[in-house]
Amino acid sequence: MSSKNWNPSPTEESVFLAPSAVIGGAGAARTTGEALRDRLGVTGGTVLLAVDDAVRSAGLTDPIEASLTEAGFSVVTHGGFGAEPNSDVLDPIINEARDAEAIAVVGVGGGSVLDSSKMIALMLRNEGSCADWIGTVSPENGVAPMILIPTTCGTGSETTRIAMVTIDGAKRVSACDLFIPHIAIVDPEMVASLPPSVIAATGMDALAHAAESLMGTNASILSSTHSLRAIELITDNIEAAYAGDKQALAYVMWGSHLAGQALNAGVVIGHSLAYCLANVRPMPHGVSCAIALPYCIAYNQNLAPELAQRLARSLTRGASDKIRDAAGYVQDLVKRLGLPTTLAEAEVDAQAIPEMAQLCVGSYPRPTNPEAFDESKIAALFESMQTGDLDDAFAITAR
């Protein structure tokens, strides 16, 4: 089979999750109130508008709030979510939303705000706190109507079934099919003022979503189609976006959204490595994913040959069909975007490697990773990440 024609099996069972509607285009966020009323049939009542503080300070949420008011809703606007969802912050906000008798949630921000919005929508219909809704959950009373509007080009949270919440200092996952929002709005105006460092980090997060979900054993025809197109959009445009090209940035934003839809097939070891890095040395999620992605590729080098070739050609923009070249291309891209490429550059202490390897296997297993998790091999992988030696990384799982 030619790598050009590679696809997952057309007869195996699969489920592809996506919002009921994706509203796109410059200025699309200004139709939020109309979308909630006319597309979701929600009439009147109180809406919890969850916002990123910086986005609100820039005035980007004002038209959204105005559209909700014009559509007949009372609006309670809440910020203060921080860089990562944390139950100590989120649980009081959830109680405030309950006290306000909010019937719907609109989230405007990056992954922190959007994941928080999912938890709020869940607990407007159900009892308990964040700690009661960890793992794969099936809420008896569903979730409140929800519209999510991203303001970065990375997390894809506006279209995923996952909400990350820090509880007692540890990142935890709440997974629910109903977290896929009823409506996602992809508006390039919401990312037009992003600084280059944020474009780099969030864009690499999106690239990791696309590449990792393509490697996973749950990849389907639909998810792989979205993965490959997302890789194409991001690799073709992220450097121009980083340099200030707004059209390129809009393409990266759409790449992030498609990668988010692919992400519902599951990520693999790259995200596990990234969580371990952040556990030892707090850093933006996209930065940790950028460091980890070349080593994720190395660890999973024993893919089906057709898949490995297709992934390599996508990541290298057609320059090579060799998986080793793909890992090197990604590492060079990370460097050109001004992000760290080694644990040393990220100031992660090498003495933490045994702890990280144990944490990776024990706390962040990935059943859909194509290569079995092995603590000693993962420790060796972290050792290669310390200095940026991809050849050592590829030797770990070479056959």
Protein backbone atom coordinates (compact mmCIF):
# COMPACT_ATOMS: atom_id res chain seq x y z
CA MET A 1 0.00 0.00 0.00
CA SER A 2 1.35 3.45 -0.87
CA SER A 3 1.77 5.88 2.03
CA LYS A 4 -0.23 8.34 -0.06
CA ASN A 5 -3.27 6.09 0.32
CA TRP A 6 -2.85 5.23 4.00
CA ASN A 7 -6.04 5.23 6.08
CA PRO A 8 -7.28 3.35 9.16
CA SER A 9 -9.59 0.42 8.59
CA PRO A 10 -12.94 1.43 7.09
CA THR A 11 -14.72 -1.47 8.82
CA GLU A 12 -13.54 -1.16 12.42
CA GLU A 13 -15.88 0.42 14.95
CA SER A 14 -15.25 4.11 15.61
CA VAL A 15 -16.97 7.13 17.08
CA PHE A 16 -16.13 10.66 15.96
CA LEU A 17 -17.13 13.49 18.26
CA ALA A 18 -17.60 17.11 17.19
CA PRO A 19 -19.77 20.15 18.06
CA SER A 20 -23.24 20.25 16.61
CA ALA A 21 -22.29 23.48 14.85
CA VAL A 22 -19.03 25.32 14.25
CA ILE A 23 -19.56 28.97 13.46
CA GLY A 24 -16.51 30.54 11.81
CA GLY A 25 -15.25 33.77 10.36
CA ALA A 26 -14.01 37.18 11.41
CA GLY A 27 -16.56 38.70 13.78
CA ALA A 28 -18.42 35.41 14.33
CA ALA A 29 -18.22 35.83 18.12
CA ARG A 30 -20.57 38.81 17.84
CA THR A 31 -23.39 36.38 16.97
CA THR A 32 -23.11 34.44 20.24
CA GLY A 33 -26.44 35.57 21.68
CA GLU A 34 -28.26 34.84 18.44
CA ALA A 35 -26.65 31.39 18.25
CA LEU A 36 -27.67 30.53 21.80
CA ARG A 37 -31.24 31.64 21.22
CA ASP A 38 -31.87 30.51 17.64
CA ARG A 39 -29.65 27.44 17.26
CA LEU A 40 -29.96 26.01 20.76
CA GLY A 41 -33.48 27.23 21.52
CA VAL A 42 -32.49 28.82 24.85
CA THR A 43 -34.78 31.75 25.52
CA GLY A 44 -34.30 34.14 28.44
CA GLY A 45 -32.65 33.39 31.74
CA THR A 46 -29.15 33.94 33.07
CA VAL A 47 -25.99 33.04 31.17
CA LEU A 48 -22.64 32.56 32.89
CA LEU A 49 -20.02 34.24 30.69
CA ALA A 50 -16.64 32.79 31.69
CA VAL A 51 -13.79 34.93 30.40
CA ASP A 52 -10.03 35.13 30.33
CA ASP A 53 -8.96 38.25 32.23
CA ALA A 54 -6.51 39.48 29.58
CA VAL A 55 -9.06 38.95 26.80
CA ARG A 56 -11.64 40.88 28.81
CA SER A 57 -9.18 43.71 29.51
CA ALA A 58 -8.56 43.97 25.77
CA GLY A 59 -12.29 44.55 25.22
CA LEU A 60 -12.77 41.40 23.17
CA THR A 61 -15.58 40.05 25.33
CA ASP A 62 -17.65 43.27 25.25
CA PRO A 63 -19.36 42.48 21.90
CA ILE A 64 -20.10 38.95 23.11
CA GLU A 65 -21.72 40.23 26.30
CA ALA A 66 -23.68 42.79 24.26
CA SER A 67 -24.93 40.11 21.86
CA LEU A 68 -26.19 38.01 24.77
CA THR A 69 -28.00 40.99 26.29
CA GLU A 70 -29.53 41.92 22.93
CA ALA A 71 -30.78 38.34 22.56
CA GLY A 72 -32.71 38.67 25.84
CA PHE A 73 -30.34 37.08 28.37
CA SER A 74 -29.15 38.30 31.73
CA VAL A 75 -25.38 37.95 31.88
CA VAL A 76 -23.13 37.16 34.83
CA THR A 77 -19.52 37.63 33.73
CA HIS A 78 -16.76 35.92 35.67
CA GLY A 79 -12.98 35.94 35.25
CA GLY A 80 -10.19 34.95 37.60
CA PHE A 81 -9.69 31.41 36.29
CA GLY A 82 -5.90 31.60 36.20
CA ALA A 83 -3.44 29.83 33.93
CA GLU A 84 -4.70 26.34 34.78
CA PRO A 85 -8.12 25.17 36.07
CA ASN A 86 -7.83 24.65 39.81
CA SER A 87 -10.59 23.25 42.01
CA ASP A 88 -9.80 25.76 44.77
CA VAL A 89 -10.71 28.55 42.35
CA LEU A 90 -13.32 26.74 40.29
CA ASP A 91 -15.56 25.28 43.01
CA PRO A 92 -16.52 28.73 44.45
CA ILE A 93 -17.24 30.02 40.92
CA ILE A 94 -19.48 27.00 40.33
CA ASN A 95 -21.41 27.78 43.49
CA GLU A 96 -21.82 31.41 42.39
CA ALA A 97 -23.19 30.22 39.04
CA ARG A 98 -25.64 27.94 40.83
CA ASP A 99 -26.74 30.78 43.13
CA ALA A 100 -27.32 32.98 40.06
CA GLU A 101 -29.48 30.17 38.58
CA ALA A 102 -27.49 30.24 35.35
CA ILE A 103 -29.02 28.05 32.65
CA ALA A 104 -26.24 28.18 30.05
CA VAL A 105 -22.50 28.79 29.84
CA VAL A 106 -20.44 30.75 27.32
CA GLY A 107 -16.68 30.31 27.68
CA VAL A 108 -14.24 32.76 26.07
CA GLY A 109 -10.53 32.12 26.50
CA GLY A 110 -7.77 29.58 26.32
CA GLY A 111 -7.80 26.04 27.65
CA SER A 112 -8.11 27.09 31.28
CA VAL A 113 -11.33 29.04 30.75
CA LEU A 114 -12.83 26.56 28.28
CA ASP A 115 -12.12 23.54 30.51
CA SER A 116 -13.52 25.46 33.47
CA SER A 117 -16.64 26.24 31.42
CA LYS A 118 -17.19 22.53 30.84
CA MET A 119 -17.04 21.80 34.56
CA ILE A 120 -19.43 24.68 35.29
CA ALA A 121 -21.90 23.45 32.66
CA LEU A 122 -21.70 19.97 34.16
CA MET A 123 -22.37 21.13 37.70
CA LEU A 124 -25.17 23.51 36.85
CA ARG A 125 -27.15 20.32 36.21
CA ASN A 126 -25.56 18.01 38.80
CA GLU A 127 -24.47 18.09 42.44
CA GLY A 128 -20.98 17.94 43.89
CA SER A 129 -17.64 19.64 43.35
CA CYS A 130 -14.79 19.13 40.86
CA ALA A 131 -13.29 16.29 42.88
CA ASP A 132 -16.54 14.33 42.49
CA TRP A 133 -16.32 14.35 38.68
CA ILE A 134 -12.87 12.97 37.88
CA GLY A 135 -12.23 10.19 35.37
CA THR A 136 -14.73 9.18 32.71
CA VAL A 137 -18.10 10.49 33.83
CA SER A 138 -21.70 10.11 32.65
CA PRO A 139 -23.78 12.80 34.36
CA GLU A 140 -27.34 11.65 34.89
CA ASN A 141 -28.72 15.14 34.31
CA GLY A 142 -26.52 16.02 31.36
CA VAL A 143 -24.78 19.39 31.07
CA ALA A 144 -26.12 22.90 30.58
CA PRO A 145 -26.16 24.36 27.03
CA MET A 146 -22.69 25.58 26.20
CA ILE A 147 -20.91 27.74 23.63
CA LEU A 148 -17.11 27.80 23.62
CA ILE A 149 -15.00 30.47 21.91
CA PRO A 150 -11.21 29.98 21.83
CA THR A 151 -8.81 32.92 22.12
CA THR A 152 -5.61 30.96 21.42
CA CYS A 153 -4.52 28.77 18.52
CA GLY A 154 -3.61 25.70 20.49
CA THR A 155 -5.72 23.83 22.99
CA GLY A 156 -8.64 22.82 20.77
CA SER A 157 -10.61 22.65 24.02
CA GLU A 158 -13.63 24.12 22.25
CA THR A 159 -14.15 20.73 20.61
CA THR A 160 -12.80 18.10 23.02
CA ARG A 161 -14.40 15.76 25.56
CA ILE A 162 -11.71 16.49 28.14
CA ALA A 163 -11.45 19.00 30.99
CA MET A 164 -8.20 19.20 32.93
CA VAL A 165 -8.51 20.27 36.58
CA THR A 166 -5.81 20.54 39.23
CA ILE A 167 -6.98 19.01 42.50
CA ASP A 168 -4.73 18.95 45.57
CA GLY A 169 -1.78 19.94 43.41
CA ALA A 170 -2.20 17.17 40.80
CA LYS A 171 -3.52 17.50 37.25
CA ARG A 172 -6.64 15.37 36.91
CA VAL A 173 -8.83 14.53 33.92
CA SER A 174 -12.59 14.73 33.69
CA ALA A 175 -13.77 13.08 30.47
CA CYS A 176 -17.32 13.22 29.17
CA ASP A 177 -18.79 13.08 25.67
CA LEU A 178 -21.19 15.84 26.70
CA PHE A 179 -18.22 18.20 27.14
CA ILE A 180 -18.24 18.53 23.36
CA PRO A 181 -20.00 21.91 23.20
CA HIS A 182 -23.26 22.39 21.41
CA ILE A 183 -21.63 25.26 19.48
CA ALA A 184 -18.01 26.26 18.92
CA ILE A 185 -17.19 29.66 17.47
CA VAL A 186 -13.88 30.03 15.63
CA ASP A 187 -13.30 33.75 15.17
CA PRO A 188 -9.84 34.88 13.96
CA GLU A 189 -10.45 38.32 15.48
CA MET A 190 -10.16 36.66 18.90
CA VAL A 191 -6.50 35.71 18.30
CA ALA A 192 -5.33 38.67 16.20
CA SER A 193 -3.44 40.32 19.08
CA LEU A 194 -1.69 37.22 20.45
CA PRO A 195 2.02 37.76 21.20
CA PRO A 196 4.52 35.62 19.27
CA SER A 197 5.47 33.55 22.33
CA VAL A 198 1.85 32.48 22.83
CA ILE A 199 1.41 31.72 19.12
CA ALA A 200 4.50 29.50 19.27
CA ALA A 201 3.51 27.59 22.40
CA THR A 202 -0.16 27.10 21.59
CA GLY A 203 0.54 26.30 17.95
CA MET A 204 2.96 23.56 18.99
CA ASP A 205 0.34 22.22 21.40
CA ALA A 206 -2.05 21.94 18.46
CA LEU A 207 0.59 20.24 16.32
CA ALA A 208 1.15 17.73 19.12
CA HIS A 209 -2.59 17.02 19.25
CA ALA A 210 -2.70 16.37 15.52
CA ALA A 211 0.42 14.18 15.36
CA GLU A 212 -0.28 12.21 18.54
CA SER A 213 -3.89 11.44 17.69
CA LEU A 214 -2.72 10.16 14.29
CA MET A 215 -0.29 7.75 16.00
CA GLY A 216 -2.83 6.42 18.51
CA THR A 217 -4.51 3.07 18.06
CA ASN A 218 -7.96 4.70 18.23
CA ALA A 219 -7.39 6.77 15.09
CA SER A 220 -10.31 6.54 12.68
CA ILE A 221 -10.83 7.64 9.10
CA LEU A 222 -12.43 10.87 10.29
CA SER A 223 -9.94 11.63 13.06
CA SER A 224 -6.94 10.88 10.82
CA THR A 225 -8.35 13.11 8.09
CA HIS A 226 -8.59 15.95 10.60
CA SER A 227 -5.10 15.16 11.96
CA LEU A 228 -3.46 15.33 8.56
CA ARG A 229 -5.19 18.55 7.52
CA ALA A 230 -4.37 20.12 10.89
CA ILE A 231 -0.68 19.22 10.52
CA GLU A 232 -0.70 20.75 7.06
CA LEU A 233 -2.33 24.01 8.20
CA ILE A 234 -0.05 24.39 11.19
CA THR A 235 3.30 23.50 9.63
CA ASP A 236 2.57 25.62 6.55
CA ASN A 237 1.64 28.70 8.58
CA ILE A 238 3.00 28.75 12.11
CA GLU A 239 6.29 30.47 11.34
CA ALA A 240 4.57 33.19 9.32
CA ALA A 241 2.01 33.57 12.12
CA TYR A 242 4.86 33.83 14.64
CA ALA A 243 6.34 36.61 12.48
CA GLY A 244 3.07 38.57 12.54
CA ASP A 245 1.08 37.39 9.50
CA LYS A 246 -2.59 37.56 10.56
CA GLN A 247 -3.87 35.45 7.67
CA ALA A 248 -1.39 32.72 8.60
CA LEU A 249 -2.49 32.99 12.22
CA ALA A 250 -6.11 32.43 11.18
CA TYR A 251 -5.04 29.24 9.37
CA VAL A 252 -3.19 28.06 12.50
CA MET A 253 -6.34 28.72 14.53
CA TRP A 254 -8.35 26.49 12.20
CA GLY A 255 -5.57 23.91 12.37
CA SER A 256 -5.91 23.97 16.14
CA HIS A 257 -9.65 23.40 15.87
CA LEU A 258 -9.26 20.45 13.51
CA ALA A 259 -6.55 19.01 15.77
CA GLY A 260 -8.96 19.35 18.69
CA GLN A 261 -11.54 17.28 16.84
CA ALA A 262 -8.88 14.67 16.08
CA LEU A 263 -7.83 14.77 19.72
CA ASN A 264 -11.05 13.01 20.72
CA ALA A 265 -9.35 9.84 19.39
CA GLY A 266 -6.83 10.31 22.21
CA VAL A 267 -3.25 11.56 22.54
CA VAL A 268 -0.26 9.33 23.27
CA ILE A 269 3.00 9.40 25.20
CA GLY A 270 3.95 12.95 24.19
CA HIS A 271 1.32 14.45 26.46
CA SER A 272 2.31 12.11 29.28
CA LEU A 273 5.90 13.30 28.98
CA ALA A 274 4.68 16.90 28.91
CA TYR A 275 2.63 16.52 32.10
CA CYS A 276 5.66 15.04 33.86
CA LEU A 277 7.85 17.98 32.84
CA ALA A 278 5.30 20.48 34.10
CA ASN A 279 4.93 18.56 37.33
CA VAL A 280 8.64 19.04 38.05
CA ARG A 281 9.07 22.48 36.51
CA PRO A 282 5.84 24.46 35.92
CA MET A 283 5.69 25.78 32.36
CA PRO A 284 3.02 26.54 29.74
CA HIS A 285 1.45 23.34 28.45
CA GLY A 286 2.35 24.13 24.86
CA VAL A 287 6.02 24.53 25.79
CA SER A 288 6.16 21.12 27.45
CA CYS A 289 4.36 19.54 24.48
CA ALA A 290 6.83 21.18 22.08
CA ILE A 291 9.80 19.72 23.96
CA ALA A 292 8.17 16.28 24.12
CA LEU A 293 6.85 15.85 20.57
CA PRO A 294 10.13 14.80 18.84
CA TYR A 295 10.69 12.20 21.57
CA CYS A 296 7.11 10.98 21.30
CA ILE A 297 7.84 10.36 17.61
CA ALA A 298 11.08 8.57 18.47
CA TYR A 299 9.48 6.31 21.10
CA ASN A 300 6.68 5.40 18.67
CA GLN A 301 8.92 4.89 15.62
CA ASN A 302 7.66 1.33 15.05
CA LEU A 303 4.40 2.42 13.45
CA ALA A 304 2.94 0.67 10.45
CA PRO A 305 5.30 1.65 7.60
CA GLU A 306 2.55 3.38 5.60
CA LEU A 307 1.51 5.44 8.63
CA ALA A 308 5.10 6.33 9.54
CA GLN A 309 5.73 7.54 5.99
CA ARG A 310 2.51 9.56 5.86
CA LEU A 311 3.21 11.17 9.25
CA ALA A 312 6.79 11.99 8.24
CA ARG A 313 5.78 13.56 4.94
CA SER A 314 3.12 15.65 6.68
CA LEU A 315 5.41 16.91 9.43
CA THR A 316 8.29 17.70 7.04
CA ARG A 317 6.01 19.44 4.53
CA GLY A 318 6.81 16.78 1.95
CA ALA A 319 10.59 16.91 2.35
CA SER A 320 11.02 13.35 3.69
CA ASP A 321 9.10 10.16 4.37
CA LYS A 322 11.52 9.04 7.12
CA ILE A 323 10.27 9.20 10.71
CA ARG A 324 13.73 10.18 12.03
CA ASP A 325 13.71 13.21 9.74
CA ALA A 326 10.25 14.15 10.99
CA ALA A 327 11.43 14.22 14.61
CA GLY A 328 14.42 16.34 13.64
CA TYR A 329 12.22 18.70 11.62
CA VAL A 330 9.91 19.23 14.60
CA GLN A 331 12.85 19.83 16.93
CA ASP A 332 14.28 22.43 14.53
CA LEU A 333 10.86 24.08 14.21
CA VAL A 334 10.58 24.36 17.98
CA LYS A 335 13.99 26.03 18.06
CA ARG A 336 13.05 28.50 15.31
CA LEU A 337 9.95 29.44 17.32
CA GLY A 338 12.11 30.42 20.28
CA LEU A 339 11.02 27.56 22.54
CA PRO A 340 13.29 25.24 24.56
CA THR A 341 14.19 21.93 22.92
CA THR A 342 15.89 20.19 25.87
CA LEU A 343 15.22 19.60 29.55
CA ALA A 344 18.36 21.58 30.34
CA GLU A 345 17.05 24.61 28.41
CA ALA A 346 13.72 24.29 30.23
CA GLU A 347 15.56 24.14 33.56
CA VAL A 348 14.26 20.68 34.43
CA ASP A 349 16.62 19.04 36.92
CA ALA A 350 18.10 15.80 35.58
CA GLN A 351 17.86 14.33 39.08
CA ALA A 352 14.06 14.32 38.63
CA ILE A 353 14.24 11.82 35.74
CA PRO A 354 13.53 8.66 37.80
CA GLU A 355 10.57 10.41 39.44
CA MET A 356 9.23 11.57 36.07
CA ALA A 357 9.55 8.10 34.54
CA GLN A 358 7.63 6.58 37.43
CA LEU A 359 4.99 9.30 37.23
CA CYS A 360 4.62 8.82 33.47
CA VAL A 361 3.83 5.12 33.82
CA GLY A 362 1.83 5.33 37.04
CA SER A 363 -0.22 8.52 36.60
CA TYR A 364 -0.38 9.17 32.86
CA PRO A 365 -0.71 5.80 31.09
CA ARG A 366 -1.89 5.84 27.48
CA PRO A 367 -3.58 2.57 26.50
CA THR A 368 -3.79 3.78 22.91
CA ASN A 369 -0.06 4.44 22.59
CA PRO A 370 1.27 2.13 19.86
CA GLU A 371 4.38 1.25 21.90
CA ALA A 372 3.91 -0.21 25.39
CA PHE A 373 4.97 1.99 28.30
CA ASP A 374 8.17 0.73 29.93
CA GLU A 375 9.53 2.70 32.88
CA SER A 376 13.20 1.98 32.16
CA LYS A 377 12.79 2.96 28.49
CA ILE A 378 10.92 6.12 29.43
CA ALA A 379 13.66 7.02 31.90
CA ALA A 380 16.16 6.61 29.07
CA LEU A 381 13.93 8.78 26.89
CA PHE A 382 14.02 11.54 29.50
CA GLU A 383 17.82 11.17 29.59
CA SER A 384 17.98 11.81 25.85
CA MET A 385 15.65 14.79 26.27
CA GLN A 386 18.08 16.28 28.80
CA THR A 387 20.62 17.06 26.08
CA GLY A 388 18.44 16.89 22.97
CA ASP A 389 20.00 13.73 21.56
CA LEU A 390 17.43 12.33 19.14
CA ASP A 391 19.73 9.55 17.98
CA ASP A 392 19.84 8.19 21.54
CA ALA A 393 16.05 8.53 21.72
CA PHE A 394 15.54 6.49 18.56
CA ALA A 395 17.91 3.81 19.82
CA ILE A 396 15.63 3.14 22.82
CA THR A 397 12.84 1.42 20.86
CA ALA A 398 14.77 0.49 17.73
CA ARG A 399 14.07 -3.03 16.39
